[in-house]
Amino acid sequence: MREVEAFRAKSAAGAQYDGPSADGARPGVFYVNTFNLKAQPIFGMETLSLHEASPGHHVQIAIAQEDTALPKFRRFNTH
């Protein structure tokens, strides 16, 4: 998990998941936007992390990349 970079925090979504590189050299990263946290409802963070990270897009993308029966566009372009 990483904090959204300051230069884009004001306009970024509450959180996002960027999947890993196809060759495995770069891991997937769950970004959390900490801009103006007081305005964010605390209950929303749990839902957001479940949707984006675990089991959400993180697991979805990992399963797709491991399934060699899928065509490449389905394995590596899942979002």
PDB file of N, CA and C in Angstrom:
ATOM      1  N   MET A   1       0.848  -1.167   0.000  1.00  0.00           N
ATOM      2  CA  MET A   1       0.000   0.000   0.000  1.00  0.00           C
ATOM      3  C   MET A   1       0.895   1.232   0.000  1.00  0.00           C
ATOM      4  N   ARG A   2       0.483   2.212  -0.820  1.00  0.00           N
ATOM      5  CA  ARG A   2       1.223   3.473  -0.893  1.00  0.00           C
ATOM      6  C   ARG A   2       0.243   4.636  -0.871  1.00  0.00           C
ATOM      7  N   GLU A   3       0.743   5.756  -0.446  1.00  0.00           N
ATOM      8  CA  GLU A   3      -0.033   6.982  -0.459  1.00  0.00           C
ATOM      9  C   GLU A   3      -0.022   7.560  -1.873  1.00  0.00           C
ATOM     10  N   VAL A   4      -1.163   8.079  -2.323  1.00  0.00           N
ATOM     11  CA  VAL A   4      -1.226   8.754  -3.625  1.00  0.00           C
ATOM     12  C   VAL A   4      -0.259   9.929  -3.578  1.00  0.00           C
ATOM     13  N   GLU A   5       0.470  10.122  -4.669  1.00  0.00           N
ATOM     14  CA  GLU A   5       1.457  11.195  -4.743  1.00  0.00           C
ATOM     15  C   GLU A   5       0.786  12.559  -4.559  1.00  0.00           C
ATOM     16  N   ALA A   6       1.487  13.476  -3.910  1.00  0.00           N
ATOM     17  CA  ALA A   6       0.944  14.798  -3.584  1.00  0.00           C
ATOM     18  C   ALA A   6       0.494  15.561  -4.830  1.00  0.00           C
ATOM     19  N   PHE A   7       1.208  15.418  -5.939  1.00  0.00           N
ATOM     20  CA  PHE A   7       0.873  16.201  -7.133  1.00  0.00           C
ATOM     21  C   PHE A   7      -0.486  15.817  -7.732  1.00  0.00           C
ATOM     22  N   ARG A   8      -1.003  14.632  -7.414  1.00  0.00           N
ATOM     23  CA  ARG A   8      -2.292  14.236  -7.978  1.00  0.00           C
ATOM     24  C   ARG A   8      -3.354  13.924  -6.922  1.00  0.00           C
ATOM     25  N   ALA A   9      -3.012  14.099  -5.662  1.00  0.00           N
ATOM     26  CA  ALA A   9      -3.917  13.719  -4.580  1.00  0.00           C
ATOM     27  C   ALA A   9      -5.230  14.495  -4.592  1.00  0.00           C
ATOM     28  N   LYS A  10      -5.198  15.775  -4.894  1.00  0.00           N
ATOM     29  CA  LYS A  10      -6.407  16.596  -4.833  1.00  0.00           C
ATOM     30  C   LYS A  10      -7.478  16.118  -5.821  1.00  0.00           C
ATOM     31  N   SER A  11      -7.071  15.596  -6.959  1.00  0.00           N
ATOM     32  CA  SER A  11      -8.037  15.195  -7.979  1.00  0.00           C
ATOM     33  C   SER A  11      -8.180  13.674  -8.130  1.00  0.00           C
ATOM     34  N   ALA A  12      -7.419  12.914  -7.388  1.00  0.00           N
ATOM     35  CA  ALA A  12      -7.447  11.453  -7.516  1.00  0.00           C
ATOM     36  C   ALA A  12      -8.625  10.838  -6.764  1.00  0.00           C
ATOM     37  N   ALA A  13      -8.967   9.619  -7.146  1.00  0.00           N
ATOM     38  CA  ALA A  13     -10.005   8.867  -6.447  1.00  0.00           C
ATOM     39  C   ALA A  13      -9.538   8.529  -5.030  1.00  0.00           C
ATOM     40  N   GLY A  14     -10.443   8.021  -4.217  1.00  0.00           N
ATOM     41  CA  GLY A  14     -10.114   7.671  -2.840  1.00  0.00           C
ATOM     42  C   GLY A  14      -9.053   6.604  -2.731  1.00  0.00           C
ATOM     43  N   ALA A  15      -9.053   5.687  -3.688  1.00  0.00           N
ATOM     44  CA  ALA A  15      -8.037   4.630  -3.738  1.00  0.00           C
ATOM     45  C   ALA A  15      -8.045   4.028  -5.134  1.00  0.00           C
ATOM     46  N   GLN A  16      -6.986   3.330  -5.454  1.00  0.00           N
ATOM     47  CA  GLN A  16      -6.913   2.637  -6.737  1.00  0.00           C
ATOM     48  C   GLN A  16      -5.901   1.522  -6.646  1.00  0.00           C
ATOM     49  N   TYR A  17      -6.004   0.581  -7.549  1.00  0.00           N
ATOM     50  CA  TYR A  17      -5.047  -0.517  -7.614  1.00  0.00           C
ATOM     51  C   TYR A  17      -4.406  -0.519  -8.988  1.00  0.00           C
ATOM     52  N   ASP A  18      -3.097  -0.501  -9.039  1.00  0.00           N
ATOM     53  CA  ASP A  18      -2.349  -0.641 -10.283  1.00  0.00           C
ATOM     54  C   ASP A  18      -1.736  -2.023 -10.281  1.00  0.00           C
ATOM     55  N   GLY A  19      -2.107  -2.822 -11.259  1.00  0.00           N
ATOM     56  CA  GLY A  19      -1.638  -4.198 -11.328  1.00  0.00           C
ATOM     57  C   GLY A  19      -0.154  -4.305 -11.607  1.00  0.00           C
ATOM     58  N   PRO A  20       0.396  -5.488 -11.412  1.00  0.00           N
ATOM     59  CA  PRO A  20       1.822  -5.709 -11.645  1.00  0.00           C
ATOM     60  C   PRO A  20       2.158  -5.732 -13.132  1.00  0.00           C
ATOM     61  N   SER A  21       3.435  -5.613 -13.428  1.00  0.00           N
ATOM     62  CA  SER A  21       3.866  -5.733 -14.818  1.00  0.00           C
ATOM     63  C   SER A  21       3.729  -7.185 -15.259  1.00  0.00           C
ATOM     64  N   ALA A  22       3.574  -7.383 -16.560  1.00  0.00           N
ATOM     65  CA  ALA A  22       3.376  -8.723 -17.108  1.00  0.00           C
ATOM     66  C   ALA A  22       4.560  -9.652 -16.837  1.00  0.00           C
ATOM     67  N   ASP A  23       5.764  -9.084 -16.751  1.00  0.00           N
ATOM     68  CA  ASP A  23       6.944  -9.922 -16.528  1.00  0.00           C
ATOM     69  C   ASP A  23       7.240 -10.154 -15.044  1.00  0.00           C
ATOM     70  N   GLY A  24       6.436  -9.559 -14.174  1.00  0.00           N
ATOM     71  CA  GLY A  24       6.618  -9.756 -12.737  1.00  0.00           C
ATOM     72  C   GLY A  24       7.689  -8.884 -12.105  1.00  0.00           C
ATOM     73  N   ALA A  25       8.286  -7.987 -12.882  1.00  0.00           N
ATOM     74  CA  ALA A  25       9.359  -7.146 -12.358  1.00  0.00           C
ATOM     75  C   ALA A  25       8.837  -6.057 -11.422  1.00  0.00           C
ATOM     76  N   ARG A  26       7.617  -5.598 -11.648  1.00  0.00           N
ATOM     77  CA  ARG A  26       7.021  -4.561 -10.811  1.00  0.00           C
ATOM     78  C   ARG A  26       5.774  -5.127 -10.146  1.00  0.00           C
ATOM     79  N   PRO A  27       5.682  -5.020  -8.822  1.00  0.00           N
ATOM     80  CA  PRO A  27       4.509  -5.572  -8.131  1.00  0.00           C
ATOM     81  C   PRO A  27       3.282  -4.680  -8.313  1.00  0.00           C
ATOM     82  N   GLY A  28       2.123  -5.225  -8.029  1.00  0.00           N
ATOM     83  CA  GLY A  28       0.908  -4.429  -7.995  1.00  0.00           C
ATOM     84  C   GLY A  28       0.922  -3.545  -6.753  1.00  0.00           C
ATOM     85  N   VAL A  29       0.292  -2.373  -6.840  1.00  0.00           N
ATOM     86  CA  VAL A  29       0.303  -1.425  -5.728  1.00  0.00           C
ATOM     87  C   VAL A  29      -1.114  -0.912  -5.477  1.00  0.00           C
ATOM     88  N   PHE A  30      -1.507  -0.912  -4.216  1.00  0.00           N
ATOM     89  CA  PHE A  30      -2.769  -0.331  -3.774  1.00  0.00           C
ATOM     90  C   PHE A  30      -2.463   1.074  -3.280  1.00  0.00           C
ATOM     91  N   TYR A  31      -3.012   2.083  -3.965  1.00  0.00           N
ATOM     92  CA  TYR A  31      -2.795   3.479  -3.594  1.00  0.00           C
ATOM     93  C   TYR A  31      -3.987   3.988  -2.788  1.00  0.00           C
ATOM     94  N   VAL A  32      -3.702   4.676  -1.694  1.00  0.00           N
ATOM     95  CA  VAL A  32      -4.724   5.278  -0.851  1.00  0.00           C
ATOM     96  C   VAL A  32      -4.545   6.794  -0.880  1.00  0.00           C
ATOM     97  N   ASN A  33      -5.629   7.500  -1.146  1.00  0.00           N
ATOM     98  CA  ASN A  33      -5.568   8.958  -1.189  1.00  0.00           C
ATOM     99  C   ASN A  33      -5.791   9.508   0.216  1.00  0.00           C
ATOM    100  N   THR A  34      -4.782  10.150   0.744  1.00  0.00           N
ATOM    101  CA  THR A  34      -4.857  10.701   2.098  1.00  0.00           C
ATOM    102  C   THR A  34      -5.153  12.197   2.096  1.00  0.00           C
ATOM    103  N   PHE A  35      -5.480  12.754   0.940  1.00  0.00           N
ATOM    104  CA  PHE A  35      -5.817  14.168   0.848  1.00  0.00           C
ATOM    105  C   PHE A  35      -7.134  14.417   1.589  1.00  0.00           C
ATOM    106  N   ASN A  36      -7.142  15.335   2.502  1.00  0.00           N
ATOM    107  CA  ASN A  36      -8.333  15.737   3.251  1.00  0.00           C
ATOM    108  C   ASN A  36      -9.034  14.537   3.896  1.00  0.00           C
ATOM    109  N   LEU A  37      -8.317  13.812   4.703  1.00  0.00           N
ATOM    110  CA  LEU A  37      -8.869  12.619   5.352  1.00  0.00           C
ATOM    111  C   LEU A  37     -10.067  12.917   6.253  1.00  0.00           C
ATOM    112  N   LYS A  38     -10.105  14.099   6.827  1.00  0.00           N
ATOM    113  CA  LYS A  38     -11.217  14.440   7.712  1.00  0.00           C
ATOM    114  C   LYS A  38     -12.552  14.453   6.970  1.00  0.00           C
ATOM    115  N   ALA A  39     -12.518  14.657   5.663  1.00  0.00           N
ATOM    116  CA  ALA A  39     -13.743  14.675   4.865  1.00  0.00           C
ATOM    117  C   ALA A  39     -14.145  13.274   4.398  1.00  0.00           C
ATOM    118  N   GLN A  40     -13.295  12.285   4.615  1.00  0.00           N
ATOM    119  CA  GLN A  40     -13.573  10.914   4.180  1.00  0.00           C
ATOM    120  C   GLN A  40     -14.229  10.122   5.305  1.00  0.00           C
ATOM    121  N   PRO A  41     -15.370   9.508   5.042  1.00  0.00           N
ATOM    122  CA  PRO A  41     -15.975   8.676   6.092  1.00  0.00           C
ATOM    123  C   PRO A  41     -15.125   7.433   6.351  1.00  0.00           C
ATOM    124  N   ILE A  42     -14.881   7.127   7.602  1.00  0.00           N
ATOM    125  CA  ILE A  42     -13.997   6.016   7.982  1.00  0.00           C
ATOM    126  C   ILE A  42     -14.535   4.673   7.499  1.00  0.00           C
ATOM    127  N   PHE A  43     -15.863   4.506   7.477  1.00  0.00           N
ATOM    128  CA  PHE A  43     -16.433   3.227   7.057  1.00  0.00           C
ATOM    129  C   PHE A  43     -16.191   2.952   5.580  1.00  0.00           C
ATOM    130  N   GLY A  44     -15.961   3.972   4.801  1.00  0.00           N
ATOM    131  CA  GLY A  44     -15.715   3.793   3.374  1.00  0.00           C
ATOM    132  C   GLY A  44     -14.366   3.163   3.064  1.00  0.00           C
ATOM    133  N   MET A  45     -13.403   3.329   3.947  1.00  0.00           N
ATOM    134  CA  MET A  45     -12.061   2.800   3.690  1.00  0.00           C
ATOM    135  C   MET A  45     -12.047   1.278   3.684  1.00  0.00           C
ATOM    136  N   GLU A  46     -12.791   0.660   4.558  1.00  0.00           N
ATOM    137  CA  GLU A  46     -12.828  -0.803   4.576  1.00  0.00           C
ATOM    138  C   GLU A  46     -13.404  -1.338   3.263  1.00  0.00           C
ATOM    139  N   THR A  47     -14.491  -0.780   2.831  1.00  0.00           N
ATOM    140  CA  THR A  47     -15.114  -1.201   1.579  1.00  0.00           C
ATOM    141  C   THR A  47     -14.173  -0.980   0.408  1.00  0.00           C
ATOM    142  N   LEU A  48     -13.534   0.178   0.386  1.00  0.00           N
ATOM    143  CA  LEU A  48     -12.611   0.516  -0.694  1.00  0.00           C
ATOM    144  C   LEU A  48     -11.424  -0.443  -0.743  1.00  0.00           C
ATOM    145  N   SER A  49     -10.866  -0.774   0.410  1.00  0.00           N
ATOM    146  CA  SER A  49      -9.715  -1.688   0.428  1.00  0.00           C
ATOM    147  C   SER A  49     -10.120  -3.099   0.006  1.00  0.00           C
ATOM    148  N   LEU A  50     -11.318  -3.533   0.383  1.00  0.00           N
ATOM    149  CA  LEU A  50     -11.793  -4.852  -0.051  1.00  0.00           C
ATOM    150  C   LEU A  50     -12.018  -4.879  -1.556  1.00  0.00           C
ATOM    151  N   HIS A  51     -12.506  -3.787  -2.106  1.00  0.00           N
ATOM    152  CA  HIS A  51     -12.766  -3.706  -3.542  1.00  0.00           C
ATOM    153  C   HIS A  51     -11.475  -3.655  -4.360  1.00  0.00           C
ATOM    154  N   GLU A  52     -10.523  -2.840  -3.926  1.00  0.00           N
ATOM    155  CA  GLU A  52      -9.309  -2.614  -4.706  1.00  0.00           C
ATOM    156  C   GLU A  52      -8.184  -3.613  -4.429  1.00  0.00           C
ATOM    157  N   ALA A  53      -7.999  -3.988  -3.178  1.00  0.00           N
ATOM    158  CA  ALA A  53      -6.799  -4.742  -2.815  1.00  0.00           C
ATOM    159  C   ALA A  53      -7.070  -6.219  -2.580  1.00  0.00           C
ATOM    160  N   SER A  54      -7.547  -6.548  -1.421  1.00  0.00           N
ATOM    161  CA  SER A  54      -7.701  -7.966  -1.100  1.00  0.00           C
ATOM    162  C   SER A  54      -9.090  -8.210  -0.546  1.00  0.00           C
ATOM    163  N   PRO A  55      -9.924  -8.910  -1.233  1.00  0.00           N
ATOM    164  CA  PRO A  55      -9.685  -9.785  -2.360  1.00  0.00           C
ATOM    165  C   PRO A  55      -9.891  -9.134  -3.718  1.00  0.00           C
ATOM    166  N   GLY A  56     -10.237  -7.904  -3.808  1.00  0.00           N
ATOM    167  CA  GLY A  56     -10.619  -7.192  -5.021  1.00  0.00           C
ATOM    168  C   GLY A  56      -9.775  -7.364  -6.259  1.00  0.00           C
ATOM    169  N   HIS A  57      -9.437  -6.235  -6.868  1.00  0.00           N
ATOM    170  CA  HIS A  57      -8.720  -6.252  -8.146  1.00  0.00           C
ATOM    171  C   HIS A  57      -7.367  -6.949  -8.043  1.00  0.00           C
ATOM    172  N   HIS A  58      -6.724  -6.851  -6.901  1.00  0.00           N
ATOM    173  CA  HIS A  58      -5.418  -7.503  -6.717  1.00  0.00           C
ATOM    174  C   HIS A  58      -5.524  -9.006  -6.991  1.00  0.00           C
ATOM    175  N   VAL A  59      -6.484  -9.664  -6.356  1.00  0.00           N
ATOM    176  CA  VAL A  59      -6.652 -11.110  -6.535  1.00  0.00           C
ATOM    177  C   VAL A  59      -7.187 -11.418  -7.935  1.00  0.00           C
ATOM    178  N   GLN A  60      -8.124 -10.613  -8.417  1.00  0.00           N
ATOM    179  CA  GLN A  60      -8.685 -10.803  -9.752  1.00  0.00           C
ATOM    180  C   GLN A  60      -7.575 -10.789 -10.806  1.00  0.00           C
ATOM    181  N   ILE A  61      -6.687  -9.823 -10.738  1.00  0.00           N
ATOM    182  CA  ILE A  61      -5.609  -9.694 -11.720  1.00  0.00           C
ATOM    183  C   ILE A  61      -4.606 -10.836 -11.566  1.00  0.00           C
ATOM    184  N   ALA A  62      -4.276 -11.213 -10.346  1.00  0.00           N
ATOM    185  CA  ALA A  62      -3.339 -12.317 -10.124  1.00  0.00           C
ATOM    186  C   ALA A  62      -3.866 -13.616 -10.713  1.00  0.00           C
ATOM    187  N   ILE A  63      -5.137 -13.901 -10.495  1.00  0.00           N
ATOM    188  CA  ILE A  63      -5.736 -15.129 -11.034  1.00  0.00           C
ATOM    189  C   ILE A  63      -5.733 -15.091 -12.555  1.00  0.00           C
ATOM    190  N   ALA A  64      -6.089 -13.963 -13.135  1.00  0.00           N
ATOM    191  CA  ALA A  64      -6.110 -13.843 -14.599  1.00  0.00           C
ATOM    192  C   ALA A  64      -4.715 -14.045 -15.189  1.00  0.00           C
ATOM    193  N   GLN A  65      -3.696 -13.473 -14.570  1.00  0.00           N
ATOM    194  CA  GLN A  65      -2.343 -13.595 -15.113  1.00  0.00           C
ATOM    195  C   GLN A  65      -1.822 -15.024 -15.034  1.00  0.00           C
ATOM    196  N   GLU A  66      -2.277 -15.790 -14.065  1.00  0.00           N
ATOM    197  CA  GLU A  66      -1.812 -17.177 -13.919  1.00  0.00           C
ATOM    198  C   GLU A  66      -2.545 -18.142 -14.843  1.00  0.00           C
ATOM    199  N   ASP A  67      -3.674 -17.740 -15.389  1.00  0.00           N
ATOM    200  CA  ASP A  67      -4.488 -18.628 -16.221  1.00  0.00           C
ATOM    201  C   ASP A  67      -3.991 -18.603 -17.663  1.00  0.00           C
ATOM    202  N   THR A  68      -3.109 -19.513 -17.989  1.00  0.00           N
ATOM    203  CA  THR A  68      -2.500 -19.539 -19.324  1.00  0.00           C
ATOM    204  C   THR A  68      -3.484 -19.926 -20.426  1.00  0.00           C
ATOM    205  N   ALA A  69      -4.669 -20.386 -20.058  1.00  0.00           N
ATOM    206  CA  ALA A  69      -5.690 -20.701 -21.058  1.00  0.00           C
ATOM    207  C   ALA A  69      -6.357 -19.440 -21.601  1.00  0.00           C
ATOM    208  N   LEU A  70      -6.232 -18.333 -20.892  1.00  0.00           N
ATOM    209  CA  LEU A  70      -6.819 -17.071 -21.349  1.00  0.00           C
ATOM    210  C   LEU A  70      -5.929 -16.423 -22.396  1.00  0.00           C
ATOM    211  N   PRO A  71      -6.514 -15.713 -23.361  1.00  0.00           N
ATOM    212  CA  PRO A  71      -5.684 -14.957 -24.306  1.00  0.00           C
ATOM    213  C   PRO A  71      -4.969 -13.816 -23.575  1.00  0.00           C
ATOM    214  N   LYS A  72      -3.867 -13.334 -24.136  1.00  0.00           N
ATOM    215  CA  LYS A  72      -3.052 -12.309 -23.465  1.00  0.00           C
ATOM    216  C   LYS A  72      -3.832 -11.054 -23.112  1.00  0.00           C
ATOM    217  N   PHE A  73      -4.760 -10.639 -23.982  1.00  0.00           N
ATOM    218  CA  PHE A  73      -5.492  -9.416 -23.659  1.00  0.00           C
ATOM    219  C   PHE A  73      -6.363  -9.567 -22.419  1.00  0.00           C
ATOM    220  N   ARG A  74      -6.773 -10.780 -22.087  1.00  0.00           N
ATOM    221  CA  ARG A  74      -7.535 -11.027 -20.869  1.00  0.00           C
ATOM    222  C   ARG A  74      -6.628 -11.217 -19.660  1.00  0.00           C
ATOM    223  N   ARG A  75      -5.433 -11.737 -19.883  1.00  0.00           N
ATOM    224  CA  ARG A  75      -4.508 -11.971 -18.784  1.00  0.00           C
ATOM    225  C   ARG A  75      -3.846 -10.694 -18.298  1.00  0.00           C
ATOM    226  N   PHE A  76      -3.537  -9.776 -19.213  1.00  0.00           N
ATOM    227  CA  PHE A  76      -2.702  -8.649 -18.850  1.00  0.00           C
ATOM    228  C   PHE A  76      -3.372  -7.288 -19.027  1.00  0.00           C
ATOM    229  N   ASN A  77      -4.624  -7.241 -19.379  1.00  0.00           N
ATOM    230  CA  ASN A  77      -5.342  -5.968 -19.493  1.00  0.00           C
ATOM    231  C   ASN A  77      -6.673  -6.118 -18.785  1.00  0.00           C
ATOM    232  N   THR A  78      -6.629  -6.279 -17.461  1.00  0.00           N
ATOM    233  CA  THR A  78      -7.814  -6.651 -16.706  1.00  0.00           C
ATOM    234  C   THR A  78      -8.496  -5.468 -16.019  1.00  0.00           C
ATOM    235  N   HIS A  79      -8.111  -4.243 -16.308  1.00  0.00           N
ATOM    236  CA  HIS A  79      -8.833  -3.128 -15.687  1.00  0.00           C
ATOM    237  C   HIS A  79      -9.011  -1.989 -16.651  1.00  0.00           C
TER     238      HIS A  79
END
